[in-house]
Amino acid sequence: MIKRYIITITGSVQGVGYRSFTASAAVELGIRGNVHNNIDGFVQVIIETEETAYQSLLTKLMKGPPFSKVDKLDCRVEEASGEFHYILTRTP
């Protein structure tokens, strides 16, 4: 069953290619949604996918790209809306 997952990543995750890394990982896994920097210094990922792809993405997000340092992932699950047709990276 497809659900919406909202993931907030804190640590040294801005200015190190984290959004691009996330978008590439999502494309590899066939996940749709968006990823953006927040002005408070964290990255937020909003995706709609199945549980197995979500878990695979979490594993990748915890590691992150070179030069990033992930301190924490906060995750929230909601009902999927079907609004995403691709993965999109954007700034705040």
Protein backbone atom coordinates (compact mmCIF):
# COMPACT_ATOMS: atom_id res chain seq x y z
CA MET A 1 0.00 0.00 0.00
CA ILE A 2 1.34 3.44 -0.93
CA LYS A 3 1.66 5.98 1.89
CA ARG A 4 3.03 9.49 2.29
CA TYR A 5 6.25 9.77 4.29
CA ILE A 6 7.57 13.07 5.58
CA ILE A 7 11.22 12.80 6.56
CA THR A 8 13.19 15.57 8.27
CA ILE A 9 16.96 15.18 8.19
CA THR A 10 19.11 17.16 10.61
CA GLY A 11 22.87 17.54 10.74
CA SER A 12 25.34 18.89 8.19
CA VAL A 13 23.01 18.33 5.25
CA GLN A 14 22.94 21.65 3.41
CA GLY A 15 25.60 22.72 0.93
CA VAL A 16 26.95 19.17 0.57
CA GLY A 17 24.81 17.80 -2.28
CA TYR A 18 22.28 16.13 0.01
CA ARG A 19 19.22 17.09 -2.05
CA SER A 20 20.77 15.84 -5.27
CA PHE A 21 21.86 12.64 -3.53
CA THR A 22 18.32 12.14 -2.23
CA ALA A 23 16.73 12.76 -5.62
CA SER A 24 19.08 10.26 -7.29
CA ALA A 25 18.36 7.63 -4.63
CA ALA A 26 14.62 8.20 -5.02
CA VAL A 27 14.81 7.82 -8.80
CA GLU A 28 16.77 4.56 -8.39
CA LEU A 29 14.04 3.24 -6.11
CA GLY A 30 11.13 4.51 -8.23
CA ILE A 31 9.98 6.92 -5.51
CA ARG A 32 8.05 10.11 -6.25
CA GLY A 33 7.95 13.26 -4.14
CA ASN A 34 10.07 16.29 -3.36
CA VAL A 35 13.12 17.26 -1.34
CA HIS A 36 14.02 20.75 -0.17
CA ASN A 37 16.24 22.72 2.17
CA ASN A 38 14.56 24.43 5.09
CA ILE A 39 15.73 27.86 6.22
CA ASP A 40 16.35 26.36 9.69
CA GLY A 41 19.17 24.22 8.26
CA PHE A 42 17.51 20.86 7.79
CA VAL A 43 16.39 18.96 4.69
CA GLN A 44 12.83 17.76 4.30
CA VAL A 45 11.78 14.91 2.04
CA ILE A 46 8.12 14.26 1.21
CA ILE A 47 7.51 11.07 -0.73
CA GLU A 48 4.73 8.69 -1.61
CA THR A 49 5.74 5.06 -1.99
CA GLU A 50 5.45 1.55 -0.61
CA GLU A 51 7.01 0.53 2.72
CA THR A 52 9.91 -1.45 1.21
CA ALA A 53 11.10 1.42 -0.99
CA TYR A 54 10.70 3.83 1.95
CA GLN A 55 12.88 1.61 4.16
CA SER A 56 15.52 1.36 1.41
CA LEU A 57 15.55 5.14 1.02
CA LEU A 58 15.90 5.64 4.79
CA THR A 59 19.03 3.48 4.76
CA LYS A 60 20.53 5.66 2.03
CA LEU A 61 19.46 8.92 3.71
CA MET A 62 21.06 7.95 7.00
CA LYS A 63 24.41 7.52 5.23
CA GLY A 64 24.06 10.56 2.93
CA PRO A 65 26.58 11.81 0.38
CA PRO A 66 30.27 12.43 1.11
CA PHE A 67 30.84 15.48 3.33
CA SER A 68 27.38 15.25 4.90
CA LYS A 69 26.82 14.24 8.50
CA VAL A 70 23.35 13.06 9.38
CA ASP A 71 22.49 13.50 13.05
CA LYS A 72 18.87 12.41 13.01
CA LEU A 73 15.96 11.36 10.78
CA ASP A 74 12.45 12.21 11.98
CA CYS A 75 9.70 10.44 10.06
CA ARG A 76 5.95 10.87 9.89
CA VAL A 77 3.47 8.73 7.96
CA GLU A 78 0.24 10.01 6.41
CA GLU A 79 -2.31 8.93 3.85
CA ALA A 80 -1.04 9.28 0.26
CA SER A 81 -2.56 12.05 -1.87
CA GLY A 82 -1.27 10.92 -5.29
CA GLU A 83 0.01 14.41 -6.07
CA PHE A 84 3.56 13.47 -7.06
CA HIS A 85 4.48 12.43 -10.59
CA TYR A 86 8.29 12.66 -10.20
CA ILE A 87 11.01 13.56 -7.68
CA LEU A 88 11.63 17.29 -7.47
CA THR A 89 14.42 19.15 -5.71
CA ARG A 90 13.89 22.72 -4.67
CA THR A 91 15.15 25.34 -2.23
CA PRO A 92 12.93 26.80 0.53
